[in-house]
């Protein structure tokens, strides 16, 4: 029983590990559920939705209730001269209670309420589109962190392979030195190269740990959690550049957000201009005024009122003009961003083509480097090659494997960035 308790305690204290292989799609699902920046954007969308409901509520009747209690120093009275002596009689009580309940319904506002609703709707659309843009940005950050883990993992494998290969060469150099076939400096050079390879392997393992920590942070996990990620291979994209650019200009969230914000500002300007038109409203309600000298203390009332601000010194006109200029500024930003989006799509499209060519070249380089290493080792064992030639051949083999791994993962990242640039990640 004690042994089982100790094992349970050790299991609980051990770092949590993800035993199953995690895919990029699963990582995206986790990140979308826990990311703080995305949560903040969602809150902004919720605020925009509340603003739209507030704008729509301006169409509804408003009910107000007022009440008060008045205390006067003297009782209000009226004086009438009906005879030789003036007469004075009270018209209200010294202390009185009054209250009223009134409902007001706007009948005509010159389009002010409608334009305000349209502006709020466009602002809500902009917030929702911005939320989708933040999702794309988050997915790209997660994908890049995911690929960094794969790249670092491959780097550790290459470093370990380099160490194992130099171990084998160091043993060969030691055997040949014991047989008197090579000088001692060959053995020393092989041992120094092996030590340097071990140092590089230590750095590679540290880099892998840092890459995993950065990946776990994006997914809201403990930094030290061990993860096993499924490998990725470059996808094929056959769409021509003009088609990709056209899709990007139509569906990039950043451009669509600017379009909606321009629309919102234009409708806000229209709502401001409508303030100079006639405002017609219907009011009705019930009022009560405590007064024993009055025949009817409570009365129902219906009122049709109009307000028309004929001249305000240009206040409304300048406010509307300022809002319109803000819309024009956003239009200039939209034009600038459109050209940048087209450039970004072209940049990543070219990167996809470049990395695919690099993959083919580095595949051939690996085969050639392995054959070069094999030949130099055979020649060294037969006294036909120097120790430096073997070490150089091993360095070339390690470099070719690193270049091939980098070409593969650069291609994966280039395709992901191209999809993000088009707005389809």
Protein backbone atom coordinates (compact mmCIF):
# COMPACT_ATOMS: atom_id res chain seq x y z
CA UNK A 1 0.00 0.00 0.00
CA UNK A 2 2.79 2.45 0.84
CA UNK A 3 4.55 1.66 -2.42
CA UNK A 4 1.37 2.40 -4.38
CA UNK A 5 0.90 5.71 -2.53
CA UNK A 6 4.46 6.76 -3.33
CA UNK A 7 4.01 5.90 -6.99
CA UNK A 8 0.77 7.89 -7.12
CA UNK A 9 2.47 10.90 -5.56
CA UNK A 10 5.37 10.74 -8.02
CA UNK A 11 2.91 10.50 -10.90
CA UNK A 12 1.06 13.61 -9.73
CA UNK A 13 4.27 15.58 -9.29
CA UNK A 14 5.70 14.60 -12.67
CA UNK A 15 5.37 17.03 -15.63
CA UNK A 16 2.20 16.59 -17.56
CA UNK A 17 2.81 15.14 -21.02
CA UNK A 18 0.61 14.89 -24.05
CA UNK A 19 0.92 11.23 -25.01
CA UNK A 20 -1.17 11.44 -28.16
CA UNK A 21 0.20 13.13 -31.24
CA UNK A 22 -1.23 16.62 -31.63
CA UNK A 23 -2.09 17.99 -35.06
CA UNK A 24 -2.01 21.59 -36.19
CA UNK A 25 -5.82 21.69 -36.45
CA UNK A 26 -6.12 20.54 -32.83
CA UNK A 27 -3.65 23.20 -31.76
CA UNK A 28 -5.74 25.83 -33.53
CA UNK A 29 -8.88 24.73 -31.73
CA UNK A 30 -7.18 25.00 -28.35
CA UNK A 31 -5.63 28.39 -29.08
CA UNK A 32 -8.91 29.87 -30.35
CA UNK A 33 -10.56 28.88 -27.09
CA UNK A 34 -7.96 30.36 -24.71
CA UNK A 35 -6.30 33.32 -26.45
CA UNK A 36 -6.62 36.58 -24.48
CA UNK A 37 -6.32 38.94 -27.46
CA UNK A 38 -9.10 37.11 -29.28
CA UNK A 39 -11.23 37.33 -26.16
CA UNK A 40 -10.67 41.10 -26.07
CA UNK A 41 -11.73 41.42 -29.72
CA UNK A 42 -14.86 39.40 -28.96
CA UNK A 43 -15.70 41.79 -26.15
CA UNK A 44 -15.37 44.69 -28.58
CA UNK A 45 -17.81 42.93 -30.89
CA UNK A 46 -20.19 42.56 -27.98
CA UNK A 47 -19.88 46.26 -27.23
CA UNK A 48 -20.61 47.09 -30.87
CA UNK A 49 -23.71 44.89 -30.72
CA UNK A 50 -24.89 46.79 -27.63
CA UNK A 51 -24.35 50.09 -29.48
CA UNK A 52 -26.51 48.82 -32.34
CA UNK A 53 -29.30 47.91 -29.95
CA UNK A 54 -29.01 51.34 -28.36
CA UNK A 55 -29.33 53.00 -31.78
CA UNK A 56 -32.38 50.89 -32.62
CA UNK A 57 -33.95 51.77 -29.26
CA UNK A 58 -34.10 55.43 -30.36
CA UNK A 59 -37.13 54.49 -32.48
CA UNK A 60 -39.12 53.29 -29.48
CA UNK A 61 -41.26 55.50 -27.21
CA UNK A 62 -39.68 56.81 -24.05
CA UNK A 63 -41.53 56.90 -20.76
CA UNK A 64 -40.48 59.33 -18.05
CA UNK A 65 -41.86 59.86 -14.57
CA UNK A 66 -41.30 63.02 -12.55
CA UNK A 67 -42.37 63.87 -9.03
CA UNK A 68 -41.76 66.65 -6.55
CA UNK A 69 -42.96 68.30 -3.38
CA UNK A 70 -42.95 72.09 -3.13
CA UNK A 71 -42.80 74.16 0.06
CA UNK A 72 -43.46 77.92 -0.27
CA UNK A 73 -43.10 80.65 2.35
CA UNK A 74 -46.52 82.06 1.51
CA UNK A 75 -49.60 80.68 -0.13
CA UNK A 76 -49.87 81.80 -3.80
CA UNK A 77 -52.81 84.22 -4.24
CA UNK A 78 -54.41 86.29 -6.97
CA UNK A 79 -55.81 89.81 -6.70
CA UNK A 80 -58.88 91.00 -8.52
CA UNK A 81 -60.41 94.47 -8.53
CA UNK A 82 -64.11 93.82 -8.94
CA UNK A 83 -65.33 96.69 -6.78
CA UNK A 84 -64.16 99.71 -4.88
CA UNK A 85 -61.86 97.50 -2.80
CA UNK A 86 -59.46 95.00 -4.37
CA UNK A 87 -60.05 91.35 -3.53
CA UNK A 88 -57.38 88.70 -2.91
CA UNK A 89 -57.94 84.95 -2.99
CA UNK A 90 -55.61 81.91 -2.92
CA UNK A 91 -54.92 79.96 -6.13
CA UNK A 92 -52.61 77.21 -4.87
CA UNK A 93 -51.58 75.54 -1.65
CA UNK A 94 -48.50 76.54 0.28
CA UNK A 95 -47.22 72.95 0.30
CA UNK A 96 -48.09 70.68 -2.61
CA UNK A 97 -47.21 67.39 -4.25
CA UNK A 98 -46.94 67.04 -8.03
CA UNK A 99 -46.04 64.24 -10.42
CA UNK A 100 -46.44 63.30 -14.05
CA UNK A 101 -45.85 60.33 -16.35
CA UNK A 102 -45.15 61.17 -20.01
CA UNK A 103 -44.47 59.01 -23.08
CA UNK A 104 -42.69 60.47 -26.12
CA UNK A 105 -42.56 58.86 -29.56
CA UNK A 106 -40.38 60.33 -32.35
CA UNK A 107 -42.38 60.64 -35.56
CA UNK A 108 -39.90 62.29 -37.91
CA UNK A 109 -36.19 63.00 -37.40
CA UNK A 110 -35.03 63.75 -40.94
CA UNK A 111 -33.26 60.36 -41.17
CA UNK A 112 -31.14 60.93 -38.06
CA UNK A 113 -32.24 57.72 -36.29
CA UNK A 114 -32.04 55.60 -39.43
CA UNK A 115 -28.54 56.83 -40.23
CA UNK A 116 -27.47 56.21 -36.64
CA UNK A 117 -28.71 52.62 -36.85
CA UNK A 118 -26.90 52.08 -40.14
CA UNK A 119 -23.69 53.53 -38.68
CA UNK A 120 -23.93 51.24 -35.64
CA UNK A 121 -24.61 48.26 -37.89
CA UNK A 122 -21.54 49.01 -39.99
CA UNK A 123 -19.46 49.35 -36.82
CA UNK A 124 -20.72 45.95 -35.65
CA UNK A 125 -19.80 44.40 -38.99
CA UNK A 126 -16.33 45.92 -38.70
CA UNK A 127 -15.88 44.45 -35.21
CA UNK A 128 -17.01 41.00 -36.32
CA UNK A 129 -14.73 41.06 -39.34
CA UNK A 130 -11.87 42.21 -37.12
CA UNK A 131 -12.57 39.20 -34.93
CA UNK A 132 -12.17 36.89 -37.93
CA UNK A 133 -8.94 38.71 -38.82
CA UNK A 134 -7.62 38.18 -35.30
CA UNK A 135 -8.45 34.48 -35.65
CA UNK A 136 -6.36 34.30 -38.82
CA UNK A 137 -3.47 36.11 -37.13
CA UNK A 138 -3.67 33.79 -34.11
CA UNK A 139 -3.74 30.70 -36.30
CA UNK A 140 -0.64 31.91 -38.12
CA UNK A 141 1.18 32.58 -34.82
CA UNK A 142 0.28 29.10 -33.59
CA UNK A 143 1.32 27.53 -36.91
CA UNK A 144 4.68 29.31 -36.84
CA UNK A 145 5.27 28.19 -33.25
CA UNK A 146 4.21 24.66 -34.24
CA UNK A 147 6.70 24.64 -37.14
CA UNK A 148 9.41 26.05 -34.87
CA UNK A 149 8.98 23.02 -32.62
CA UNK A 150 9.22 20.68 -35.61
CA UNK A 151 12.27 22.57 -36.90
CA UNK A 152 13.96 22.43 -33.50
CA UNK A 153 13.09 18.73 -33.17
CA UNK A 154 14.67 18.04 -36.56
CA UNK A 155 17.67 20.12 -35.50
CA UNK A 156 18.13 17.92 -32.44
CA UNK A 157 17.96 14.82 -34.64
CA UNK A 158 20.57 16.26 -37.02
CA UNK A 159 22.80 17.25 -34.09
CA UNK A 160 22.54 13.77 -32.57
CA UNK A 161 23.32 12.22 -35.96
CA UNK A 162 26.37 14.48 -36.20
CA UNK A 163 27.52 13.37 -32.73
CA UNK A 164 27.06 9.68 -33.58
CA UNK A 165 28.93 10.03 -36.87
CA UNK A 166 31.85 11.81 -35.18
CA UNK A 167 31.88 9.15 -32.44
CA UNK A 168 32.35 6.52 -35.13
CA UNK A 169 35.09 8.54 -36.78
CA UNK A 170 36.81 9.14 -33.44
CA UNK A 171 36.84 5.38 -32.82
CA UNK A 172 38.30 4.79 -36.27
CA UNK A 173 40.96 7.43 -35.65
CA UNK A 174 41.79 5.87 -32.28
CA UNK A 175 42.09 2.39 -33.78
CA UNK A 176 44.27 3.66 -36.61
CA UNK A 177 46.42 5.61 -34.15
CA UNK A 178 46.92 2.53 -31.99
CA UNK A 179 48.02 0.68 -35.09
CA UNK A 180 50.46 3.49 -35.86
CA UNK A 181 48.79 4.33 -39.15
CA UNK A 182 47.81 7.94 -38.30
CA UNK A 183 49.45 10.56 -36.07
CA UNK A 184 48.07 11.54 -32.67
CA UNK A 185 46.87 14.93 -33.90
CA UNK A 186 44.30 13.09 -36.07
CA UNK A 187 42.83 11.55 -32.94
CA UNK A 188 42.90 14.88 -31.12
CA UNK A 189 41.22 16.67 -34.02
CA UNK A 190 38.47 14.02 -34.14
CA UNK A 191 37.93 14.30 -30.38
CA UNK A 192 37.75 18.12 -30.55
CA UNK A 193 35.23 17.91 -33.40
CA UNK A 194 33.19 15.43 -31.34
CA UNK A 195 33.21 17.76 -28.31
CA UNK A 196 32.09 20.65 -30.50
CA UNK A 197 29.28 18.49 -31.92
CA UNK A 198 28.13 17.58 -28.40
CA UNK A 199 28.09 21.26 -27.48
CA UNK A 200 25.97 21.98 -30.55
CA UNK A 201 23.61 19.16 -29.58
CA UNK A 202 23.17 20.68 -26.12
CA UNK A 203 22.27 24.02 -27.72
CA UNK A 204 19.84 22.28 -30.07
CA UNK A 205 18.06 20.58 -27.16
CA UNK A 206 17.81 23.90 -25.34
CA UNK A 207 16.35 25.47 -28.47
CA UNK A 208 13.77 22.70 -28.66
CA UNK A 209 12.74 23.34 -25.06
CA UNK A 210 12.34 27.07 -25.76
CA UNK A 211 10.30 26.37 -28.90
CA UNK A 212 8.00 24.05 -26.94
CA UNK A 213 7.60 26.66 -24.22
CA UNK A 214 6.60 29.34 -26.73
CA UNK A 215 4.15 26.91 -28.33
CA UNK A 216 2.61 25.94 -24.97
CA UNK A 217 2.18 29.59 -24.02
CA UNK A 218 0.04 30.24 -27.08
CA UNK A 219 -2.16 27.29 -26.12
CA UNK A 220 -2.50 28.38 -22.48
CA UNK A 221 -0.57 25.41 -21.12
CA UNK A 222 2.25 25.11 -18.58
CA UNK A 223 5.49 26.05 -20.31
CA UNK A 224 7.19 22.82 -19.30
CA UNK A 225 4.47 20.55 -20.70
CA UNK A 226 5.85 17.95 -23.08
CA UNK A 227 4.12 17.83 -26.45
CA UNK A 228 4.30 15.42 -29.36
CA UNK A 229 3.46 17.10 -32.65
CA UNK A 230 2.55 15.52 -35.96
CA UNK A 231 4.99 16.36 -38.73
CA UNK A 232 3.98 18.67 -41.59
CA UNK A 233 4.80 18.52 -45.27
CA UNK A 234 4.46 21.33 -47.82
CA UNK A 235 1.13 21.48 -49.62
CA UNK A 236 0.75 22.17 -53.30
CA UNK A 237 -0.76 25.47 -54.46
CA UNK A 238 -1.55 25.57 -58.16
CA UNK A 239 -3.51 28.84 -58.23
CA UNK A 240 -1.87 31.57 -60.34
CA UNK A 241 -0.70 34.77 -58.71
CA UNK A 242 -3.39 37.06 -60.24
CA UNK A 243 -6.14 34.83 -58.91
CA UNK A 244 -4.60 34.75 -55.43
CA UNK A 245 -4.22 38.52 -55.42
CA UNK A 246 -7.82 39.05 -56.49
CA UNK A 247 -9.10 36.78 -53.72
CA UNK A 248 -6.94 38.56 -51.17
CA UNK A 249 -8.27 41.99 -52.15
CA UNK A 250 -11.84 40.70 -51.84
CA UNK A 251 -11.62 38.80 -48.57
CA UNK A 252 -8.76 40.10 -46.45
CA UNK A 253 -10.31 41.05 -43.09
CA UNK A 254 -8.17 44.17 -42.76
CA UNK A 255 -9.55 45.61 -46.00
CA UNK A 256 -13.13 44.64 -45.18
CA UNK A 257 -12.83 46.26 -41.74
CA UNK A 258 -11.76 49.53 -43.35
CA UNK A 259 -14.67 49.35 -45.77
CA UNK A 260 -17.17 48.92 -42.93
CA UNK A 261 -15.58 51.70 -40.89
CA UNK A 262 -15.75 54.03 -43.89
CA UNK A 263 -19.44 53.16 -44.23
CA UNK A 264 -19.99 53.78 -40.51
CA UNK A 265 -18.38 57.22 -40.65
CA UNK A 266 -20.37 58.18 -43.73
CA UNK A 267 -23.62 57.23 -42.01
CA UNK A 268 -22.54 59.10 -38.87
CA UNK A 269 -22.01 62.21 -40.99
CA UNK A 270 -25.51 61.79 -42.44
CA UNK A 271 -26.95 61.46 -38.92
CA UNK A 272 -25.22 64.67 -37.85
CA UNK A 273 -26.55 66.58 -40.87
CA UNK A 274 -30.07 65.37 -40.08
CA UNK A 275 -29.92 67.31 -36.80
CA UNK A 276 -30.53 70.53 -38.76
CA UNK A 277 -33.88 69.25 -40.08
CA UNK A 278 -37.24 69.38 -38.31
CA UNK A 279 -37.71 66.96 -35.42
CA UNK A 280 -41.33 65.90 -34.89
CA UNK A 281 -42.48 63.95 -31.81
CA UNK A 282 -45.77 62.92 -30.20
CA UNK A 283 -46.06 63.13 -26.40
CA UNK A 284 -48.81 62.11 -24.05
CA UNK A 285 -49.33 61.31 -20.41
CA UNK A 286 -50.94 62.11 -17.14
CA UNK A 287 -50.05 64.84 -14.66
CA UNK A 288 -51.15 65.54 -11.11
CA UNK A 289 -50.79 68.78 -9.16
CA UNK A 290 -52.03 68.86 -5.56
CA UNK A 291 -54.22 71.96 -5.24
CA UNK A 292 -57.50 72.12 -3.35
CA UNK A 293 -58.35 75.37 -5.10
CA UNK A 294 -58.20 73.67 -8.50
CA UNK A 295 -61.20 71.82 -9.88
CA UNK A 296 -59.19 69.05 -11.56
CA UNK A 297 -55.93 68.18 -9.86
CA UNK A 298 -55.09 65.43 -12.38
CA UNK A 299 -55.19 65.80 -16.16
CA UNK A 300 -54.44 63.76 -19.26
CA UNK A 301 -52.44 65.48 -21.98
CA UNK A 302 -51.54 64.82 -25.64
CA UNK A 303 -49.02 67.01 -27.41
CA UNK A 304 -47.64 67.12 -30.96
CA UNK A 305 -44.37 69.02 -30.94
CA UNK A 306 -41.81 70.11 -33.52
CA UNK A 307 -38.29 71.44 -33.09
CA UNK A 308 -36.33 72.95 -35.96
CA UNK A 309 -32.92 74.41 -35.40
CA UNK A 310 -32.76 76.94 -38.19
CA UNK A 311 -29.32 78.42 -37.44
CA UNK A 312 -26.52 77.13 -35.22
CA UNK A 313 -23.54 79.10 -36.48
CA UNK A 314 -22.32 76.20 -38.65
CA UNK A 315 -21.82 73.82 -35.70
CA UNK A 316 -23.58 70.82 -37.26
CA UNK A 317 -22.08 71.45 -40.69
CA UNK A 318 -18.54 71.46 -39.34
CA UNK A 319 -19.14 68.34 -37.25
CA UNK A 320 -20.48 66.50 -40.28
CA UNK A 321 -17.56 67.71 -42.40
CA UNK A 322 -15.06 66.51 -39.80
CA UNK A 323 -16.65 63.06 -39.75
CA UNK A 324 -16.64 62.96 -43.55
CA UNK A 325 -12.94 63.80 -43.61
CA UNK A 326 -12.28 60.91 -41.24
CA UNK A 327 -14.01 58.63 -43.76
CA UNK A 328 -11.80 60.06 -46.52
CA UNK A 329 -8.71 59.37 -44.40
CA UNK A 330 -9.77 55.75 -43.99
CA UNK A 331 -10.31 55.52 -47.75
CA UNK A 332 -6.71 56.62 -48.30
CA UNK A 333 -5.58 53.96 -45.78
CA UNK A 334 -7.65 51.39 -47.67
CA UNK A 335 -5.95 52.26 -50.96
CA UNK A 336 -2.51 52.03 -49.34
CA UNK A 337 -3.31 48.72 -47.63
CA UNK A 338 -4.61 47.26 -50.90
CA UNK A 339 -1.23 47.75 -52.54
CA UNK A 340 0.53 46.29 -49.50
CA UNK A 341 -1.73 43.24 -49.57
CA UNK A 342 -0.94 42.66 -53.23
CA UNK A 343 2.78 42.95 -52.45
CA UNK A 344 2.46 40.57 -49.49
CA UNK A 345 0.70 37.95 -51.61
CA UNK A 346 3.40 38.21 -54.27
CA UNK A 347 6.17 37.97 -51.67
CA UNK A 348 4.82 34.77 -50.12
CA UNK A 349 3.93 33.29 -53.52
CA UNK A 350 7.55 33.77 -54.59
CA UNK A 351 8.73 32.29 -51.30
CA UNK A 352 6.67 29.15 -51.96
CA UNK A 353 8.34 28.71 -55.34
CA UNK A 354 11.79 29.39 -53.88
CA UNK A 355 11.46 26.88 -51.05
CA UNK A 356 10.17 24.17 -53.38
CA UNK A 357 13.28 24.56 -55.54
CA UNK A 358 15.45 24.47 -52.42
CA UNK A 359 13.85 21.19 -51.35
CA UNK A 360 14.83 19.53 -54.62
CA UNK A 361 18.37 20.89 -54.48
CA UNK A 362 18.95 19.90 -50.84
CA UNK A 363 17.61 16.38 -51.44
CA UNK A 364 20.31 15.86 -54.06
CA UNK A 365 22.87 17.49 -51.77
CA UNK A 366 22.12 14.99 -48.99
CA UNK A 367 22.73 12.02 -51.31
CA UNK A 368 25.94 13.56 -52.59
CA UNK A 369 27.15 14.49 -49.09
CA UNK A 370 26.54 10.99 -47.73
CA UNK A 371 28.39 9.46 -50.66
CA UNK A 372 31.21 11.98 -50.21
CA UNK A 373 31.49 11.05 -46.53
CA UNK A 374 31.51 7.32 -47.29
CA UNK A 375 34.23 7.71 -49.91
CA UNK A 376 36.43 9.86 -47.66
CA UNK A 377 36.07 7.43 -44.75
CA UNK A 378 37.10 4.52 -46.95
CA UNK A 379 40.04 6.51 -48.29
CA UNK A 380 41.03 7.56 -44.76
CA UNK A 381 40.96 3.97 -43.51
CA UNK A 382 43.20 3.02 -46.41
CA UNK A 383 45.57 5.93 -45.86
CA UNK A 384 44.49 7.80 -49.00
CA UNK A 385 42.73 10.75 -47.33
CA UNK A 386 43.49 13.06 -44.44
CA UNK A 387 41.54 13.45 -41.22
CA UNK A 388 40.49 17.00 -42.17
CA UNK A 389 38.90 15.68 -45.37
CA UNK A 390 36.74 13.29 -43.35
CA UNK A 391 35.74 16.04 -40.92
CA UNK A 392 34.93 18.40 -43.78
CA UNK A 393 32.83 15.69 -45.43
CA UNK A 394 30.93 15.14 -42.17
CA UNK A 395 30.38 18.89 -41.82
CA UNK A 396 29.00 19.02 -45.36
CA UNK A 397 26.68 16.09 -44.62
CA UNK A 398 25.33 17.77 -41.47
CA UNK A 399 24.94 21.06 -43.30
CA UNK A 400 23.05 19.41 -46.17
CA UNK A 401 20.65 17.73 -43.73
CA UNK A 402 20.08 21.01 -41.91
CA UNK A 403 19.51 22.83 -45.19
CA UNK A 404 17.03 20.20 -46.32
CA UNK A 405 15.08 20.37 -43.06
CA UNK A 406 15.05 24.17 -43.19
CA UNK A 407 13.89 24.09 -46.81
CA UNK A 408 10.96 21.81 -45.91
CA UNK A 409 9.80 23.88 -42.96
CA UNK A 410 10.42 27.15 -44.77
CA UNK A 411 8.12 25.82 -47.49
CA UNK A 412 5.47 24.90 -44.90
CA UNK A 413 5.66 28.37 -43.35
CA UNK A 414 5.63 30.07 -46.76
CA UNK A 415 2.42 28.24 -47.72
CA UNK A 416 0.79 29.10 -44.37
CA UNK A 417 1.76 32.75 -44.77
CA UNK A 418 0.45 32.78 -48.33
CA UNK A 419 -2.88 31.42 -47.13
CA UNK A 420 -2.95 34.06 -44.41
CA UNK A 421 -2.16 36.76 -46.97
CA UNK A 422 -5.06 35.58 -49.11
CA UNK A 423 -7.32 35.38 -46.03
CA UNK A 424 -7.98 31.64 -46.25
CA UNK A 425 -5.93 30.16 -43.40
